[in-house]
Amino acid sequence: MPAPFQSESHATPFLPPITQRRRYLRLLGFSLLFWIGIIFLECIQVFASDATLARTLPAIHYLVWATFNWYLLIPLTPLIYQLGERYPIVGPGWTTRLVFPHALACFICLLAQALARGLAGSLYTIHHELPASPMFLTNGWIGDRGLLYITAYWGIAIAAGWTQLREALRRREVYQANVEASVASADLERLRIQIQPHFLFNTLQAAITLVTEDPHAAEDVLLRLSQLLRVALDEMEAYEIPLSRELEILDLYVGIQKRRFGERLSVEVHADAATLNISVPPLILQPLVENAIHHGIGKHKGPDSIEIFARRQETGLQIEVWNSNSTVDETTKPPFQRGVGLRNTRSRLEYSYGPGASLILRPLARGGAVAIIFIPLQAAPEQHLRTAPQRASL
C-alpha cells in the first residue's frame, strides 16, 4: 500500500513536484498583487494625461488596455524569478548565464507579451473601438513599452540572483558555524578527558607520599579519593553544574589535601548566596586550588591559607582563588604554559563561553597570588539548585 500523500509529492511529466508547485503559487500571489498595482498606476497615469487634454474615455477603457499591456507578466514573473535563482546573474560565470538562458528568455517573454497584447487588443477593438490589426498593436507595444518590459525582466532576474547568493552565503555561514562548533565541542571533550587522569595522578601522588609516613592517613586518602572520583566522573558528563555542586566536589578534594598537610593548610570559601545557582563547568576550581597548593604549601614550610571568593557581577560570575604563599614568576615561562591544569582551565572557559570568559593569574600586593575566573552570566539548570551558607570552611 502506498504511503499517505505519496501521490502528491510525485512529479509527473506535466507537473513539477508539489513543493515546487506550492512555491510557484506563492510567488504567483506576490506577482498578482504587484502587477495589479502596476496596472492601476498606468491606468491612472493615462487617464490623468487624457484629462489634461480634455478627452477622457470611460474608465473601463483605461483599465482594459493597461491590463493588456502587462497581464502576461503575472504568470511569467514567478518563472523568471525561479530561472534567476537557478541561473543567477551574479557570482562566477555570470557573463555566460547573461546570454544563455537570460537573454534568450527575455526575448521570448518580450515577444510573448507583445503578441498577447496585440491579439487581445485586436479582439477588443472589434467590439469597442476602431478595428486594429494584431501586428499593428504588437509593434506599437514594443515601441512604447518594450524597453520598460526588458528592464522589468532583468530587474526580476537580478533580484532573484542576489537573493539566491545571499541565501547561499547564509547557508555557508551556518555550515561553517556548525563545523566550528563541532571542532570546539571535540576540543572541549578532549580537554575534559585529559583533566581526569591528570587530576587522578596528582591525587594518587599525595596518597603515595603518606604511605610510609602515615599508613592510616594514606588509607583514608584513598577512600576519599574513590568517593571523589565517583562524584567527579558522574558530574564530568555534564557541561555545566551549579556552583554549589562544584563547591561540594571541591570540598572532597580539599579534604584529601587537609589529610595530607594537616593543620598547616586552611581553606575558606566566601560565596555570595546569589552565586550558588549559577552554572559553571565541572571541576573548574579544583585545578586552581591544586595549583595554589603546589606552589604554596607544597614548596614552603609553615602554614598556608587559601581563600575562594565568588561574587555576582553585572554581566557574569567572578571567582577568585587567593593563596598567601604562591608566587607568580614569569621570568622563565608564562604560568599558563607550565602545567596541564591552568592551561586546560583557560581553554575550557574559552571553548565553553567564548572571549567573554577569562582566567587571569596575578600577584597580590600583600604577598601571594590570586587566580581570577570570569564567566558570562548564565542560569544554572533548576533541577541542580542547592542552597549553602554564605561563608564556609572546607
Protein backbone atom coordinates (compact mmCIF):
# COMPACT_ATOMS: atom_id res chain seq x y z
CA MET A 1 0.00 0.00 0.00
CA PRO A 2 1.46 3.41 -0.90
CA ALA A 3 2.27 5.80 1.87
CA PRO A 4 -0.23 8.61 2.59
CA PHE A 5 0.14 11.65 0.31
CA GLN A 6 2.74 9.87 -1.77
CA SER A 7 0.95 10.77 -4.98
CA GLU A 8 1.05 14.49 -4.09
CA SER A 9 4.84 14.60 -3.85
CA HIS A 10 5.30 12.54 -7.03
CA ALA A 11 6.36 14.56 -10.08
CA THR A 12 4.73 13.82 -13.45
CA PRO A 13 5.97 14.78 -16.92
CA PHE A 14 3.46 17.62 -16.94
CA LEU A 15 3.59 18.90 -13.35
CA PRO A 16 6.58 19.78 -11.15
CA PRO A 17 6.87 18.27 -7.64
CA ILE A 18 4.28 19.52 -5.15
CA THR A 19 6.84 21.63 -3.28
CA GLN A 20 7.77 23.45 -6.50
CA ARG A 21 4.12 23.95 -7.41
CA ARG A 22 3.40 25.42 -3.99
CA ARG A 23 6.36 27.75 -4.27
CA TYR A 24 5.23 28.83 -7.72
CA LEU A 25 1.73 29.56 -6.41
CA ARG A 26 3.19 31.54 -3.53
CA LEU A 27 5.30 33.60 -5.93
CA LEU A 28 2.27 33.94 -8.20
CA GLY A 29 0.35 35.55 -5.35
CA PHE A 30 3.05 38.20 -4.89
CA SER A 31 3.26 38.69 -8.65
CA LEU A 32 -0.51 39.17 -8.90
CA LEU A 33 -0.52 41.84 -6.22
CA PHE A 34 2.49 43.63 -7.71
CA TRP A 35 1.30 43.76 -11.32
CA ILE A 36 -2.25 44.68 -10.37
CA GLY A 37 -0.68 47.66 -8.65
CA ILE A 38 1.33 48.50 -11.80
CA ILE A 39 -1.80 48.15 -13.96
CA PHE A 40 -3.76 50.54 -11.77
CA LEU A 41 -0.88 53.03 -11.71
CA GLU A 42 -0.68 53.02 -15.51
CA CYS A 43 -4.45 53.31 -15.75
CA ILE A 44 -4.42 56.39 -13.51
CA GLN A 45 -1.44 57.89 -15.34
CA VAL A 46 -3.01 57.61 -18.82
CA PHE A 47 -6.37 58.84 -17.53
CA ALA A 48 -4.72 61.88 -15.94
CA SER A 49 -2.81 62.57 -19.18
CA ASP A 50 -6.04 62.47 -21.21
CA ALA A 51 -7.79 64.59 -18.62
CA THR A 52 -5.28 67.41 -19.14
CA LEU A 53 -6.21 67.31 -22.85
CA ALA A 54 -9.96 67.19 -22.07
CA ARG A 55 -10.52 63.96 -23.99
CA THR A 56 -11.16 61.28 -21.40
CA LEU A 57 -12.79 57.95 -22.18
CA PRO A 58 -14.78 55.60 -19.93
CA ALA A 59 -12.65 54.30 -17.02
CA ILE A 60 -13.04 50.69 -18.14
CA HIS A 61 -11.20 51.57 -21.36
CA TYR A 62 -8.03 52.58 -19.47
CA LEU A 63 -8.21 49.54 -17.18
CA VAL A 64 -8.57 47.13 -20.10
CA TRP A 65 -5.63 48.50 -22.09
CA ALA A 66 -3.38 48.71 -19.00
CA THR A 67 -4.24 45.07 -18.31
CA PHE A 68 -3.43 44.07 -21.91
CA ASN A 69 -0.04 45.77 -21.57
CA TRP A 70 1.14 43.72 -18.58
CA TYR A 71 -1.17 40.79 -17.83
CA LEU A 72 1.14 38.06 -19.18
CA LEU A 73 3.82 39.10 -16.71
CA ILE A 74 1.62 37.90 -13.84
CA PRO A 75 2.19 34.19 -14.58
CA LEU A 76 5.65 34.80 -16.10
CA THR A 77 7.19 36.65 -13.13
CA PRO A 78 7.43 33.53 -10.86
CA LEU A 79 9.03 31.62 -13.74
CA ILE A 80 11.52 34.43 -14.41
CA TYR A 81 12.30 34.61 -10.68
CA GLN A 82 12.93 30.86 -10.44
CA LEU A 83 15.06 31.00 -13.59
CA GLY A 84 17.07 33.80 -11.97
CA GLU A 85 17.59 31.62 -8.89
CA ARG A 86 18.71 28.62 -10.90
CA TYR A 87 20.97 30.68 -13.18
CA PRO A 88 21.92 33.71 -11.07
CA ILE A 89 23.35 36.78 -12.80
CA VAL A 90 25.92 37.07 -10.02
CA GLY A 91 28.95 35.10 -8.95
CA PRO A 92 31.37 33.11 -11.13
CA GLY A 93 30.30 32.55 -14.73
CA TRP A 94 27.57 35.19 -14.67
CA THR A 95 28.51 36.50 -18.13
CA THR A 96 27.76 33.14 -19.71
CA ARG A 97 24.39 32.95 -17.98
CA LEU A 98 23.70 36.51 -19.10
CA VAL A 99 23.49 35.33 -22.71
CA PHE A 100 22.00 31.90 -22.06
CA PRO A 101 19.45 31.43 -20.74
CA HIS A 102 18.54 35.01 -19.74
CA ALA A 103 18.94 36.95 -22.98
CA LEU A 104 17.00 34.24 -24.82
CA ALA A 105 14.35 34.03 -22.11
CA CYS A 106 13.98 37.82 -22.09
CA PHE A 107 13.41 37.87 -25.86
CA ILE A 108 10.84 35.04 -25.66
CA CYS A 109 8.94 36.72 -22.82
CA LEU A 110 9.01 40.07 -24.62
CA LEU A 111 7.69 38.51 -27.82
CA ALA A 112 5.02 36.54 -25.95
CA GLN A 113 3.74 39.64 -24.11
CA ALA A 114 3.77 41.69 -27.33
CA LEU A 115 1.81 39.06 -29.27
CA ALA A 116 -0.61 38.54 -26.37
CA ARG A 117 -1.25 42.27 -26.20
CA GLY A 118 -1.70 42.50 -29.98
CA LEU A 119 -4.14 39.60 -30.11
CA ALA A 120 -6.18 40.65 -27.06
CA GLY A 121 -6.23 44.29 -28.14
CA SER A 122 -7.33 43.37 -31.66
CA LEU A 123 -10.27 41.35 -30.33
CA TYR A 124 -11.21 44.22 -28.02
CA THR A 125 -11.19 46.83 -30.80
CA ILE A 126 -13.52 44.77 -32.94
CA HIS A 127 -16.39 45.42 -30.49
CA HIS A 128 -15.44 48.61 -28.67
CA GLU A 129 -13.16 50.78 -30.88
CA LEU A 130 -11.97 51.16 -34.44
CA PRO A 131 -10.59 47.78 -35.51
CA ALA A 132 -6.81 47.43 -35.39
CA SER A 133 -4.64 44.54 -36.60
CA PRO A 134 -2.72 42.39 -34.11
CA MET A 135 0.56 43.26 -35.84
CA PHE A 136 -0.09 46.99 -35.53
CA LEU A 137 -0.87 46.68 -31.81
CA THR A 138 2.12 44.37 -31.26
CA ASN A 139 4.57 46.75 -32.91
CA GLY A 140 3.05 49.69 -31.05
CA TRP A 141 3.51 47.96 -27.67
CA ILE A 142 7.13 47.04 -28.43
CA GLY A 143 7.89 50.63 -29.37
CA ASP A 144 6.13 52.15 -26.35
CA ARG A 145 6.87 49.64 -23.59
CA GLY A 146 9.46 47.18 -24.88
CA LEU A 147 12.37 48.84 -23.07
CA LEU A 148 10.37 49.03 -19.86
CA TYR A 149 9.50 45.33 -20.17
CA ILE A 150 13.16 44.41 -20.70
CA THR A 151 14.07 46.44 -17.61
CA ALA A 152 11.40 44.60 -15.62
CA TYR A 153 12.74 41.21 -16.74
CA TRP A 154 16.33 41.97 -15.78
CA GLY A 155 15.20 43.53 -12.52
CA ILE A 156 13.37 40.33 -11.56
CA ALA A 157 16.27 38.10 -12.64
CA ILE A 158 18.89 40.17 -10.80
CA ALA A 159 16.76 40.32 -7.64
CA ALA A 160 16.40 36.53 -7.73
CA GLY A 161 20.15 36.09 -8.24
CA TRP A 162 21.05 38.34 -5.33
CA THR A 163 18.51 36.60 -3.12
CA GLN A 164 19.98 33.23 -4.08
CA LEU A 165 23.52 34.48 -3.45
CA ARG A 166 22.54 35.86 -0.07
CA GLU A 167 20.87 32.55 0.85
CA ALA A 168 23.96 30.63 -0.30
CA LEU A 169 26.18 32.85 1.85
CA ARG A 170 23.85 32.35 4.82
CA ARG A 171 23.95 28.57 4.37
CA ARG A 172 27.74 28.69 4.12
CA GLU A 173 27.95 30.74 7.32
CA VAL A 174 25.64 28.28 9.08
CA TYR A 175 27.73 25.36 7.81
CA GLN A 176 30.99 26.99 8.92
CA ALA A 177 29.46 27.82 12.30
CA ASN A 178 28.37 24.18 12.69
CA VAL A 179 31.84 22.97 11.72
CA GLU A 180 33.49 25.37 14.17
CA ALA A 181 31.04 24.34 16.89
CA SER A 182 31.79 20.66 16.21
CA VAL A 183 35.54 21.29 16.38
CA ALA A 184 35.17 23.32 19.57
CA SER A 185 32.97 20.61 21.08
CA ALA A 186 35.55 17.95 20.18
CA ASP A 187 38.36 20.05 21.64
CA LEU A 188 36.35 20.67 24.80
CA GLU A 189 35.66 16.96 25.16
CA ARG A 190 39.38 16.26 24.73
CA LEU A 191 40.20 18.75 27.48
CA ARG A 192 37.60 17.22 29.79
CA ILE A 193 39.01 13.73 29.21
CA GLN A 194 42.58 14.98 29.65
CA ILE A 195 41.90 16.60 33.02
CA GLN A 196 40.62 13.36 34.60
CA PRO A 197 43.90 11.34 34.51
CA HIS A 198 45.85 14.49 35.42
CA PHE A 199 43.67 15.01 38.48
CA LEU A 200 43.87 11.32 39.40
CA PHE A 201 47.66 11.19 39.06
CA ASN A 202 48.26 14.21 41.30
CA THR A 203 45.89 12.95 43.99
CA LEU A 204 47.43 9.44 43.98
CA GLN A 205 50.83 11.04 44.31
CA ALA A 206 49.64 12.70 47.51
CA ALA A 207 48.47 9.31 48.84
CA ILE A 208 51.79 7.66 47.98
CA THR A 209 53.61 10.34 49.97
CA LEU A 210 51.62 9.32 53.06
CA VAL A 211 52.14 5.54 52.72
CA THR A 212 55.42 5.50 54.61
CA GLU A 213 54.69 8.47 56.87
CA ASP A 214 51.16 7.60 57.99
CA PRO A 215 49.60 4.40 56.56
CA HIS A 216 46.22 5.11 58.19
CA ALA A 217 46.17 8.57 56.65
CA ALA A 218 47.07 7.08 53.27
CA GLU A 219 44.18 4.62 53.55
CA ASP A 220 41.82 7.46 54.45
CA VAL A 221 43.05 9.48 51.45
CA LEU A 222 42.40 6.56 49.08
CA LEU A 223 38.88 6.12 50.45
CA ARG A 224 38.21 9.83 49.98
CA LEU A 225 39.72 9.63 46.52
CA SER A 226 37.39 6.80 45.47
CA GLN A 227 34.41 8.86 46.65
CA LEU A 228 35.71 11.96 44.88
CA LEU A 229 36.33 10.10 41.64
CA ARG A 230 32.85 8.58 41.68
CA VAL A 231 31.27 12.02 42.07
CA ALA A 232 33.65 13.79 39.69
CA LEU A 233 33.24 11.25 36.87
CA ASP A 234 29.46 11.50 37.14
CA GLU A 235 29.50 15.29 37.00
CA MET A 236 32.03 15.44 34.15
CA GLU A 237 29.29 14.04 31.89
CA ALA A 238 27.59 17.43 32.16
CA TYR A 239 28.92 20.57 30.53
CA GLU A 240 27.73 22.73 33.42
CA ILE A 241 26.76 22.27 37.06
CA PRO A 242 25.65 24.79 39.70
CA LEU A 243 28.43 26.48 41.63
CA SER A 244 27.05 24.98 44.83
CA ARG A 245 27.65 21.48 43.43
CA GLU A 246 31.13 22.48 42.28
CA LEU A 247 31.95 23.60 45.82
CA GLU A 248 30.76 20.24 47.18
CA ILE A 249 33.14 18.42 44.83
CA LEU A 250 35.93 20.80 45.79
CA ASP A 251 35.26 20.05 49.45
CA LEU A 252 36.08 16.36 48.81
CA TYR A 253 39.38 17.31 47.16
CA VAL A 254 40.31 19.76 49.93
CA GLY A 255 39.55 17.04 52.49
CA ILE A 256 42.23 14.88 50.88
CA GLN A 257 44.76 17.70 50.91
CA LYS A 258 43.98 18.56 54.53
CA ARG A 259 44.60 14.93 55.44
CA ARG A 260 47.99 15.28 53.78
CA PHE A 261 49.05 18.66 55.23
CA GLY A 262 47.06 18.62 58.46
CA GLU A 263 46.60 21.88 60.35
CA ARG A 264 49.11 23.68 58.17
CA LEU A 265 46.53 24.10 55.42
CA SER A 266 43.49 26.35 55.81
CA VAL A 267 40.86 26.70 53.06
CA GLU A 268 37.85 29.00 53.28
CA VAL A 269 35.06 29.78 50.84
CA HIS A 270 33.22 33.10 50.68
CA ALA A 271 30.40 32.63 48.17
CA ASP A 272 27.55 35.09 47.86
CA ALA A 273 24.17 33.39 48.04
CA ALA A 274 23.29 34.86 44.63
CA THR A 275 26.14 32.91 43.01
CA LEU A 276 25.34 29.40 44.20
CA ASN A 277 22.82 28.63 41.44
CA ILE A 278 24.96 29.99 38.60
CA SER A 279 26.25 27.31 36.24
CA VAL A 280 29.97 26.61 35.88
CA PRO A 281 31.96 23.87 34.12
CA PRO A 282 32.55 20.85 36.40
CA LEU A 283 35.96 20.63 38.11
CA ILE A 284 36.78 24.22 37.14
CA LEU A 285 38.02 25.16 40.62
CA GLN A 286 39.98 22.02 41.50
CA PRO A 287 42.95 22.80 39.18
CA LEU A 288 43.21 26.32 40.63
CA VAL A 289 43.22 25.07 44.23
CA GLU A 290 45.64 22.32 43.26
CA ASN A 291 47.93 24.91 41.66
CA ALA A 292 47.74 27.08 44.78
CA ILE A 293 48.68 24.11 46.99
CA HIS A 294 51.51 23.02 44.70
CA HIS A 295 53.12 26.49 44.53
CA GLY A 296 52.20 27.45 48.08
CA ILE A 297 52.33 24.97 50.93
CA GLY A 298 53.89 22.37 48.63
CA LYS A 299 57.04 24.50 48.28
CA HIS A 300 57.10 26.40 51.58
CA LYS A 301 57.33 25.31 55.18
CA GLY A 302 54.84 26.56 57.70
CA PRO A 303 51.12 27.24 57.42
CA ASP A 304 49.33 28.37 54.30
CA SER A 305 45.83 29.65 53.59
CA ILE A 306 43.63 29.52 50.50
CA GLU A 307 40.53 31.68 50.18
CA ILE A 308 37.90 31.35 47.48
CA PHE A 309 35.57 34.27 46.70
CA ALA A 310 32.51 34.07 44.43
CA ARG A 311 30.74 37.29 43.52
CA ARG A 312 27.98 38.03 41.06
CA GLN A 313 28.90 40.93 38.80
CA GLU A 314 26.58 42.84 36.48
CA THR A 315 27.41 40.70 33.46
CA GLY A 316 28.69 37.49 34.95
CA LEU A 317 30.23 35.45 37.76
CA GLN A 318 33.67 36.24 39.17
CA ILE A 319 35.53 33.62 41.19
CA GLU A 320 38.86 34.35 42.88
CA VAL A 321 41.27 31.84 44.43
CA TRP A 322 43.67 33.60 46.80
CA ASN A 323 46.81 31.96 48.19
CA SER A 324 49.16 33.61 50.65
CA ASN A 325 52.33 31.65 49.78
CA SER A 326 52.18 31.25 45.98
CA THR A 327 54.16 33.50 43.65
CA VAL A 328 53.71 34.49 40.02
CA ASP A 329 57.05 34.13 38.27
CA GLU A 330 57.06 34.84 34.53
CA THR A 331 60.82 35.08 34.14
CA THR A 332 61.14 31.57 32.68
CA LYS A 333 57.81 30.63 31.11
CA PRO A 334 54.28 32.14 31.30
CA PRO A 335 52.20 30.47 34.06
CA PHE A 336 49.61 29.11 31.62
CA GLN A 337 52.28 27.18 29.71
CA ARG A 338 53.81 25.35 32.66
CA GLY A 339 51.17 22.76 33.54
CA VAL A 340 48.08 20.97 32.34
CA GLY A 341 45.67 22.31 34.98
CA LEU A 342 45.79 26.05 34.31
CA ARG A 343 46.15 25.62 30.56
CA ASN A 344 43.13 23.31 30.36
CA THR A 345 41.07 25.52 32.62
CA ARG A 346 41.63 28.55 30.41
CA SER A 347 40.92 26.53 27.24
CA ARG A 348 37.71 25.07 28.67
CA LEU A 349 36.48 28.55 29.57
CA GLU A 350 37.29 29.81 26.09
CA TYR A 351 35.57 26.92 24.31
CA SER A 352 32.53 26.99 26.62
CA TYR A 353 31.86 30.74 26.80
CA GLY A 354 33.94 32.40 24.09
CA PRO A 355 36.01 35.55 24.53
CA GLY A 356 33.68 36.81 27.26
CA ALA A 357 35.22 34.36 29.75
CA SER A 358 38.71 34.73 31.17
CA LEU A 359 41.26 33.31 33.60
CA ILE A 360 43.87 35.72 35.00
CA LEU A 361 46.76 34.99 37.38
CA ARG A 362 48.08 37.99 39.36
CA PRO A 363 50.43 38.57 42.27
CA LEU A 364 48.98 40.06 45.47
CA ALA A 365 50.43 43.24 46.92
CA ARG A 366 50.49 41.70 50.40
CA GLY A 367 52.28 38.60 49.08
CA GLY A 368 50.89 35.53 47.39
CA ALA A 369 48.87 35.18 44.20
CA VAL A 370 45.27 35.19 43.02
CA ALA A 371 43.64 33.37 40.12
CA ILE A 372 40.53 35.16 38.80
CA ILE A 373 37.86 33.45 36.72
CA PHE A 374 35.14 35.41 34.95
CA ILE A 375 32.18 33.55 33.41
CA PRO A 376 29.45 35.38 31.45
CA LEU A 377 26.19 35.24 33.36
CA GLN A 378 24.15 32.11 32.63
CA ALA A 379 21.43 30.46 34.70
CA ALA A 380 22.04 27.01 36.10
CA PRO A 381 19.53 24.20 35.50
CA GLU A 382 16.78 24.35 38.09
CA GLN A 383 16.98 20.64 38.88
CA HIS A 384 20.50 21.14 40.28
CA LEU A 385 19.76 24.13 42.52
CA ARG A 386 21.12 23.87 46.03
CA THR A 387 21.45 26.13 49.00
CA ALA A 388 24.56 26.71 51.07
CA PRO A 389 25.78 29.19 53.66
CA GLN A 390 27.47 32.34 52.51
CA ARG A 391 30.68 31.54 54.39
CA ALA A 392 32.08 28.08 54.94
CA SER A 393 35.34 26.41 55.81
CA LEU A 394 36.40 23.49 53.66
